[in-house]
Amino acid sequence: MSLSDYVKLMRAVKGGVTPWEIAEATGIPSKEVHLLEVKHRRMGEDDAMLEKLAGYFEVPVDDLARRRDQFRKRLTSFAVERQRTQEHVTFELETGESFSGVIVWFAREAIAVQPDGGPEDVPVVLQRAMIADWR
């Protein structure tokens, strides 16, 4: 899950707090919180800001920091290349589940993977926001 998606999830878990409420509680400008959520590229370079967010959301700083390199544009680039080459992929989800196969299609919010079993199997559709890692 990207840092962008994780911050959105943590806001929801905390009862749907707004960027302004986070800003008031942490001292982080609401604009910075908003940018973390809408930018689908590497974000979160400011370790002090991540520490404040981690404290606010009551999660380890590493839960935020390790997601810096899992941004959506990087996943899109991976999906484009692997679909073109039909190379085998493995996606690990936030739940710990793992799915392997060939990418059939992908869109802004989901990726369909044809399982290793072959064409008779129905593709598995994975919500992009739940993908923790890929290879």
N, C-alpha and C. Protein backbone atom coordinates (compact mmCIF):
# COMPACT_ATOMS: atom_id res chain seq x y z
N MET A 1 0.86 -1.17 0.00
CA MET A 1 0.00 0.00 0.00
C MET A 1 0.90 1.23 0.00
N SER A 2 0.58 2.16 -0.85
CA SER A 2 1.37 3.39 -0.93
C SER A 2 1.18 4.23 0.33
N LEU A 3 2.10 5.14 0.55
CA LEU A 3 1.97 6.08 1.67
C LEU A 3 0.68 6.88 1.51
N SER A 4 0.36 7.26 0.29
CA SER A 4 -0.86 7.99 -0.01
C SER A 4 -2.10 7.22 0.47
N ASP A 5 -2.18 5.96 0.05
CA ASP A 5 -3.33 5.14 0.43
C ASP A 5 -3.35 4.85 1.94
N TYR A 6 -2.17 4.68 2.52
CA TYR A 6 -2.09 4.38 3.95
C TYR A 6 -2.58 5.55 4.79
N VAL A 7 -2.20 6.78 4.41
CA VAL A 7 -2.68 7.94 5.15
C VAL A 7 -4.20 8.05 5.04
N LYS A 8 -4.74 7.79 3.85
CA LYS A 8 -6.21 7.79 3.69
C LYS A 8 -6.85 6.74 4.59
N LEU A 9 -6.27 5.56 4.63
CA LEU A 9 -6.79 4.49 5.47
C LEU A 9 -6.74 4.89 6.95
N MET A 10 -5.62 5.44 7.37
CA MET A 10 -5.48 5.82 8.78
C MET A 10 -6.47 6.93 9.16
N ARG A 11 -6.73 7.85 8.22
CA ARG A 11 -7.75 8.88 8.49
C ARG A 11 -9.11 8.23 8.70
N ALA A 12 -9.43 7.25 7.87
CA ALA A 12 -10.72 6.55 7.99
C ALA A 12 -10.79 5.79 9.30
N VAL A 13 -9.72 5.08 9.65
CA VAL A 13 -9.69 4.30 10.89
C VAL A 13 -9.87 5.23 12.10
N LYS A 14 -9.36 6.42 12.00
CA LYS A 14 -9.45 7.39 13.11
C LYS A 14 -10.78 8.14 13.10
N GLY A 15 -11.73 7.67 12.32
CA GLY A 15 -13.07 8.24 12.34
C GLY A 15 -13.33 9.26 11.25
N GLY A 16 -12.49 9.27 10.22
CA GLY A 16 -12.71 10.19 9.11
C GLY A 16 -12.22 11.60 9.40
N VAL A 17 -11.16 11.71 10.18
CA VAL A 17 -10.63 13.04 10.48
C VAL A 17 -10.18 13.73 9.20
N THR A 18 -10.22 15.03 9.21
CA THR A 18 -9.85 15.83 8.04
C THR A 18 -8.37 16.22 8.12
N PRO A 19 -7.79 16.62 6.99
CA PRO A 19 -6.42 17.13 7.02
C PRO A 19 -6.27 18.32 7.98
N TRP A 20 -7.31 19.13 8.12
CA TRP A 20 -7.27 20.29 9.02
C TRP A 20 -7.22 19.83 10.48
N GLU A 21 -7.94 18.77 10.81
CA GLU A 21 -7.89 18.24 12.17
C GLU A 21 -6.51 17.66 12.47
N ILE A 22 -5.93 16.99 11.48
CA ILE A 22 -4.58 16.44 11.66
C ILE A 22 -3.58 17.59 11.83
N ALA A 23 -3.73 18.62 11.03
CA ALA A 23 -2.84 19.79 11.12
C ALA A 23 -2.93 20.43 12.50
N GLU A 24 -4.13 20.59 12.99
CA GLU A 24 -4.31 21.21 14.30
C GLU A 24 -3.66 20.37 15.41
N ALA A 25 -3.77 19.05 15.30
CA ALA A 25 -3.24 18.16 16.34
C ALA A 25 -1.72 17.96 16.25
N THR A 26 -1.16 18.10 15.06
CA THR A 26 0.26 17.76 14.87
C THR A 26 1.16 18.94 14.55
N GLY A 27 0.58 20.04 14.07
CA GLY A 27 1.40 21.16 13.63
C GLY A 27 1.87 21.02 12.19
N ILE A 28 1.50 19.94 11.52
CA ILE A 28 1.83 19.75 10.11
C ILE A 28 0.82 20.55 9.29
N PRO A 29 1.26 21.37 8.36
CA PRO A 29 0.29 22.12 7.54
C PRO A 29 -0.69 21.17 6.83
N SER A 30 -1.96 21.54 6.82
CA SER A 30 -2.98 20.69 6.19
C SER A 30 -2.66 20.45 4.72
N LYS A 31 -2.03 21.42 4.07
CA LYS A 31 -1.63 21.26 2.68
C LYS A 31 -0.68 20.06 2.52
N GLU A 32 0.24 19.88 3.46
CA GLU A 32 1.19 18.76 3.40
C GLU A 32 0.48 17.42 3.58
N VAL A 33 -0.49 17.37 4.47
CA VAL A 33 -1.27 16.15 4.67
C VAL A 33 -2.04 15.84 3.38
N HIS A 34 -2.65 16.86 2.82
CA HIS A 34 -3.40 16.69 1.57
C HIS A 34 -2.49 16.19 0.45
N LEU A 35 -1.30 16.78 0.31
CA LEU A 35 -0.38 16.36 -0.75
C LEU A 35 0.06 14.90 -0.59
N LEU A 36 0.23 14.47 0.66
CA LEU A 36 0.58 13.06 0.88
C LEU A 36 -0.49 12.13 0.31
N GLU A 37 -1.72 12.56 0.39
CA GLU A 37 -2.83 11.73 -0.07
C GLU A 37 -3.06 11.76 -1.57
N VAL A 38 -2.77 12.86 -2.22
CA VAL A 38 -3.13 12.98 -3.63
C VAL A 38 -1.97 12.75 -4.60
N LYS A 39 -0.76 12.81 -4.12
CA LYS A 39 0.40 12.59 -5.01
C LYS A 39 0.66 11.10 -5.11
N HIS A 40 0.73 10.62 -6.32
CA HIS A 40 0.95 9.19 -6.53
C HIS A 40 2.39 8.93 -6.96
N ARG A 41 3.28 9.67 -6.31
CA ARG A 41 4.71 9.50 -6.54
C ARG A 41 5.38 9.43 -5.17
N ARG A 42 6.69 9.30 -5.16
CA ARG A 42 7.39 9.21 -3.87
C ARG A 42 7.15 10.48 -3.07
N MET A 43 6.69 10.30 -1.84
CA MET A 43 6.40 11.41 -0.93
C MET A 43 6.89 11.01 0.46
N GLY A 44 6.85 11.94 1.37
CA GLY A 44 7.15 11.64 2.77
C GLY A 44 8.62 11.65 3.10
N GLU A 45 9.38 12.55 2.46
CA GLU A 45 10.82 12.61 2.71
C GLU A 45 11.16 13.23 4.06
N ASP A 46 10.24 13.97 4.63
CA ASP A 46 10.46 14.65 5.89
C ASP A 46 10.20 13.68 7.05
N ASP A 47 11.28 13.16 7.64
CA ASP A 47 11.15 12.18 8.72
C ASP A 47 10.42 12.75 9.94
N ALA A 48 10.65 14.03 10.24
CA ALA A 48 9.97 14.65 11.38
C ALA A 48 8.45 14.66 11.17
N MET A 49 8.03 14.94 9.93
CA MET A 49 6.60 14.93 9.63
C MET A 49 6.04 13.52 9.79
N LEU A 50 6.78 12.52 9.31
CA LEU A 50 6.30 11.13 9.45
C LEU A 50 6.22 10.74 10.92
N GLU A 51 7.15 11.22 11.73
CA GLU A 51 7.10 10.91 13.17
C GLU A 51 5.85 11.51 13.80
N LYS A 52 5.51 12.74 13.42
CA LYS A 52 4.30 13.38 13.95
C LYS A 52 3.05 12.62 13.51
N LEU A 53 3.00 12.23 12.24
CA LEU A 53 1.85 11.47 11.74
C LEU A 53 1.75 10.12 12.44
N ALA A 54 2.87 9.45 12.62
CA ALA A 54 2.87 8.15 13.29
C ALA A 54 2.34 8.30 14.72
N GLY A 55 2.77 9.35 15.40
CA GLY A 55 2.27 9.59 16.75
C GLY A 55 0.77 9.86 16.75
N TYR A 56 0.32 10.65 15.81
CA TYR A 56 -1.11 10.98 15.72
C TYR A 56 -1.95 9.73 15.43
N PHE A 57 -1.48 8.91 14.49
CA PHE A 57 -2.24 7.72 14.12
C PHE A 57 -1.95 6.52 15.01
N GLU A 58 -0.98 6.69 15.92
CA GLU A 58 -0.60 5.63 16.87
C GLU A 58 -0.13 4.37 16.14
N VAL A 59 0.78 4.58 15.17
CA VAL A 59 1.40 3.48 14.43
C VAL A 59 2.91 3.69 14.46
N PRO A 60 3.69 2.63 14.27
CA PRO A 60 5.14 2.80 14.21
C PRO A 60 5.54 3.67 13.01
N VAL A 61 6.57 4.49 13.19
CA VAL A 61 7.07 5.35 12.10
C VAL A 61 7.39 4.49 10.88
N ASP A 62 7.90 3.29 11.10
CA ASP A 62 8.27 2.42 9.98
C ASP A 62 7.06 2.07 9.11
N ASP A 63 5.86 2.01 9.71
CA ASP A 63 4.65 1.74 8.91
C ASP A 63 4.44 2.81 7.84
N LEU A 64 4.87 4.01 8.13
CA LEU A 64 4.78 5.10 7.15
C LEU A 64 6.01 5.13 6.25
N ALA A 65 7.19 5.08 6.84
CA ALA A 65 8.44 5.25 6.09
C ALA A 65 8.64 4.17 5.03
N ARG A 66 8.30 2.94 5.33
CA ARG A 66 8.55 1.86 4.36
C ARG A 66 7.63 1.95 3.14
N ARG A 67 6.61 2.76 3.22
CA ARG A 67 5.67 2.91 2.10
C ARG A 67 6.08 4.00 1.11
N ARG A 68 7.15 4.72 1.41
CA ARG A 68 7.62 5.79 0.51
C ARG A 68 7.91 5.26 -0.89
N ASP A 69 8.49 4.06 -0.97
CA ASP A 69 8.87 3.51 -2.27
C ASP A 69 7.77 2.66 -2.91
N GLN A 70 6.63 2.56 -2.28
CA GLN A 70 5.52 1.75 -2.81
C GLN A 70 4.48 2.63 -3.49
N PHE A 71 4.90 3.73 -4.06
CA PHE A 71 3.94 4.68 -4.63
C PHE A 71 3.28 4.11 -5.88
N ARG A 72 2.10 4.64 -6.18
CA ARG A 72 1.26 4.12 -7.27
C ARG A 72 1.91 4.18 -8.64
N LYS A 73 2.64 5.24 -8.94
CA LYS A 73 3.26 5.33 -10.26
C LYS A 73 4.30 4.22 -10.45
N ARG A 74 4.95 3.84 -9.39
CA ARG A 74 5.92 2.74 -9.48
C ARG A 74 5.19 1.43 -9.75
N LEU A 75 4.07 1.20 -9.09
CA LEU A 75 3.27 0.00 -9.33
C LEU A 75 2.73 0.00 -10.75
N THR A 76 2.28 1.14 -11.25
CA THR A 76 1.78 1.23 -12.62
C THR A 76 2.87 0.87 -13.62
N SER A 77 4.05 1.40 -13.42
CA SER A 77 5.18 1.10 -14.31
C SER A 77 5.48 -0.40 -14.32
N PHE A 78 5.46 -1.01 -13.15
CA PHE A 78 5.67 -2.45 -13.03
C PHE A 78 4.59 -3.21 -13.79
N ALA A 79 3.33 -2.82 -13.60
CA ALA A 79 2.21 -3.50 -14.25
C ALA A 79 2.27 -3.38 -15.76
N VAL A 80 2.61 -2.20 -16.26
CA VAL A 80 2.72 -1.99 -17.70
C VAL A 80 3.76 -2.94 -18.29
N GLU A 81 4.93 -2.97 -17.69
CA GLU A 81 6.02 -3.80 -18.21
C GLU A 81 5.69 -5.29 -18.12
N ARG A 82 5.16 -5.73 -16.99
CA ARG A 82 4.87 -7.17 -16.81
C ARG A 82 3.70 -7.63 -17.67
N GLN A 83 2.75 -6.77 -17.92
CA GLN A 83 1.66 -7.15 -18.81
C GLN A 83 2.19 -7.27 -20.24
N ARG A 84 3.05 -6.34 -20.62
CA ARG A 84 3.63 -6.36 -21.97
C ARG A 84 4.45 -7.62 -22.20
N THR A 85 5.26 -8.01 -21.22
CA THR A 85 6.15 -9.16 -21.38
C THR A 85 5.51 -10.48 -20.97
N GLN A 86 4.34 -10.38 -20.31
CA GLN A 86 3.64 -11.57 -19.80
C GLN A 86 4.49 -12.34 -18.80
N GLU A 87 5.37 -11.63 -18.10
CA GLU A 87 6.18 -12.24 -17.06
C GLU A 87 5.33 -12.56 -15.84
N HIS A 88 5.70 -13.61 -15.16
CA HIS A 88 5.07 -14.03 -13.92
C HIS A 88 5.28 -12.96 -12.84
N VAL A 89 4.24 -12.66 -12.08
CA VAL A 89 4.31 -11.68 -10.99
C VAL A 89 3.78 -12.30 -9.71
N THR A 90 4.16 -11.71 -8.61
CA THR A 90 3.61 -12.07 -7.31
C THR A 90 3.25 -10.78 -6.59
N PHE A 91 2.03 -10.71 -6.10
CA PHE A 91 1.57 -9.57 -5.32
C PHE A 91 1.31 -10.04 -3.90
N GLU A 92 1.86 -9.32 -2.94
CA GLU A 92 1.57 -9.59 -1.54
C GLU A 92 0.64 -8.49 -1.05
N LEU A 93 -0.43 -8.89 -0.39
CA LEU A 93 -1.42 -7.93 0.09
C LEU A 93 -1.16 -7.53 1.53
N GLU A 94 -1.76 -6.45 1.95
CA GLU A 94 -1.65 -5.99 3.34
C GLU A 94 -2.13 -7.06 4.32
N THR A 95 -3.01 -7.93 3.88
CA THR A 95 -3.55 -8.98 4.74
C THR A 95 -2.57 -10.14 4.94
N GLY A 96 -1.46 -10.14 4.16
CA GLY A 96 -0.50 -11.23 4.23
C GLY A 96 -0.70 -12.26 3.13
N GLU A 97 -1.83 -12.17 2.43
CA GLU A 97 -2.09 -13.10 1.33
C GLU A 97 -1.17 -12.78 0.16
N SER A 98 -0.93 -13.80 -0.67
CA SER A 98 -0.07 -13.64 -1.83
C SER A 98 -0.77 -14.24 -3.05
N PHE A 99 -0.66 -13.53 -4.18
CA PHE A 99 -1.27 -13.99 -5.43
C PHE A 99 -0.21 -13.93 -6.53
N SER A 100 -0.09 -15.02 -7.28
CA SER A 100 0.89 -15.10 -8.36
C SER A 100 0.21 -15.45 -9.66
N GLY A 101 0.82 -15.01 -10.75
CA GLY A 101 0.29 -15.31 -12.07
C GLY A 101 0.77 -14.29 -13.07
N VAL A 102 -0.06 -14.05 -14.10
CA VAL A 102 0.25 -13.11 -15.16
C VAL A 102 -0.81 -12.01 -15.14
N ILE A 103 -0.38 -10.76 -15.32
CA ILE A 103 -1.33 -9.64 -15.31
C ILE A 103 -2.18 -9.69 -16.58
N VAL A 104 -3.49 -9.74 -16.39
CA VAL A 104 -4.44 -9.77 -17.50
C VAL A 104 -4.81 -8.33 -17.90
N TRP A 105 -5.10 -7.52 -16.90
CA TRP A 105 -5.42 -6.11 -17.12
C TRP A 105 -5.18 -5.36 -15.83
N PHE A 106 -5.10 -4.04 -15.95
CA PHE A 106 -5.02 -3.21 -14.75
C PHE A 106 -5.68 -1.88 -15.05
N ALA A 107 -6.12 -1.24 -13.99
CA ALA A 107 -6.76 0.06 -14.08
C ALA A 107 -6.32 0.88 -12.88
N ARG A 108 -6.88 2.04 -12.76
CA ARG A 108 -6.49 2.94 -11.67
C ARG A 108 -6.62 2.30 -10.30
N GLU A 109 -7.65 1.52 -10.09
CA GLU A 109 -7.93 0.98 -8.76
C GLU A 109 -7.74 -0.52 -8.60
N ALA A 110 -7.47 -1.24 -9.68
CA ALA A 110 -7.39 -2.70 -9.56
C ALA A 110 -6.44 -3.30 -10.59
N ILE A 111 -5.98 -4.52 -10.27
CA ILE A 111 -5.14 -5.30 -11.17
C ILE A 111 -5.70 -6.71 -11.19
N ALA A 112 -5.89 -7.26 -12.40
CA ALA A 112 -6.38 -8.64 -12.54
C ALA A 112 -5.19 -9.54 -12.86
N VAL A 113 -5.09 -10.63 -12.09
CA VAL A 113 -4.00 -11.59 -12.25
C VAL A 113 -4.58 -12.95 -12.60
N GLN A 114 -4.09 -13.52 -13.70
CA GLN A 114 -4.46 -14.89 -14.08
C GLN A 114 -3.60 -15.82 -13.23
N PRO A 115 -4.21 -16.61 -12.34
CA PRO A 115 -3.43 -17.49 -11.46
C PRO A 115 -2.55 -18.46 -12.24
N ASP A 116 -1.56 -18.98 -11.56
CA ASP A 116 -0.62 -19.92 -12.16
C ASP A 116 -1.29 -21.17 -12.71
N GLY A 117 -2.49 -21.48 -12.24
CA GLY A 117 -3.18 -22.68 -12.68
C GLY A 117 -3.48 -22.74 -14.17
N GLY A 118 -3.57 -21.62 -14.82
CA GLY A 118 -3.81 -21.63 -16.25
C GLY A 118 -5.02 -20.85 -16.67
N PRO A 119 -5.32 -20.86 -17.96
CA PRO A 119 -6.40 -20.03 -18.51
C PRO A 119 -7.80 -20.45 -18.07
N GLU A 120 -7.97 -21.69 -17.59
CA GLU A 120 -9.31 -22.09 -17.16
C GLU A 120 -9.70 -21.45 -15.84
N ASP A 121 -8.71 -20.96 -15.10
CA ASP A 121 -9.01 -20.27 -13.84
C ASP A 121 -9.51 -18.86 -14.11
N VAL A 122 -10.38 -18.40 -13.26
CA VAL A 122 -10.89 -17.04 -13.34
C VAL A 122 -9.84 -16.10 -12.78
N PRO A 123 -9.55 -14.98 -13.46
CA PRO A 123 -8.57 -14.03 -12.91
C PRO A 123 -8.98 -13.52 -11.54
N VAL A 124 -8.00 -13.25 -10.73
CA VAL A 124 -8.20 -12.67 -9.40
C VAL A 124 -8.02 -11.16 -9.56
N VAL A 125 -8.99 -10.39 -9.09
CA VAL A 125 -8.92 -8.94 -9.17
C VAL A 125 -8.48 -8.41 -7.81
N LEU A 126 -7.36 -7.70 -7.81
CA LEU A 126 -6.78 -7.18 -6.58
C LEU A 126 -6.95 -5.67 -6.52
N GLN A 127 -7.43 -5.18 -5.42
CA GLN A 127 -7.55 -3.73 -5.23
C GLN A 127 -6.14 -3.18 -5.04
N ARG A 128 -5.76 -2.22 -5.86
CA ARG A 128 -4.39 -1.69 -5.83
C ARG A 128 -4.00 -1.15 -4.46
N ALA A 129 -4.92 -0.53 -3.78
CA ALA A 129 -4.61 0.05 -2.47
C ALA A 129 -4.22 -1.01 -1.44
N MET A 130 -4.59 -2.26 -1.68
CA MET A 130 -4.27 -3.33 -0.73
C MET A 130 -2.97 -4.05 -1.06
N ILE A 131 -2.33 -3.71 -2.16
CA ILE A 131 -1.08 -4.37 -2.54
C ILE A 131 0.07 -3.79 -1.72
N ALA A 132 0.69 -4.64 -0.90
CA ALA A 132 1.78 -4.21 -0.03
C ALA A 132 3.12 -4.28 -0.74
N ASP A 133 3.30 -5.28 -1.59
CA ASP A 133 4.57 -5.45 -2.28
C ASP A 133 4.35 -6.23 -3.55
N TRP A 134 5.30 -6.13 -4.46
CA TRP A 134 5.18 -6.82 -5.74
C TRP A 134 6.57 -7.20 -6.24
N ARG A 135 6.57 -8.30 -7.01
CA ARG A 135 7.83 -8.74 -7.63
C ARG A 135 7.51 -9.61 -8.82
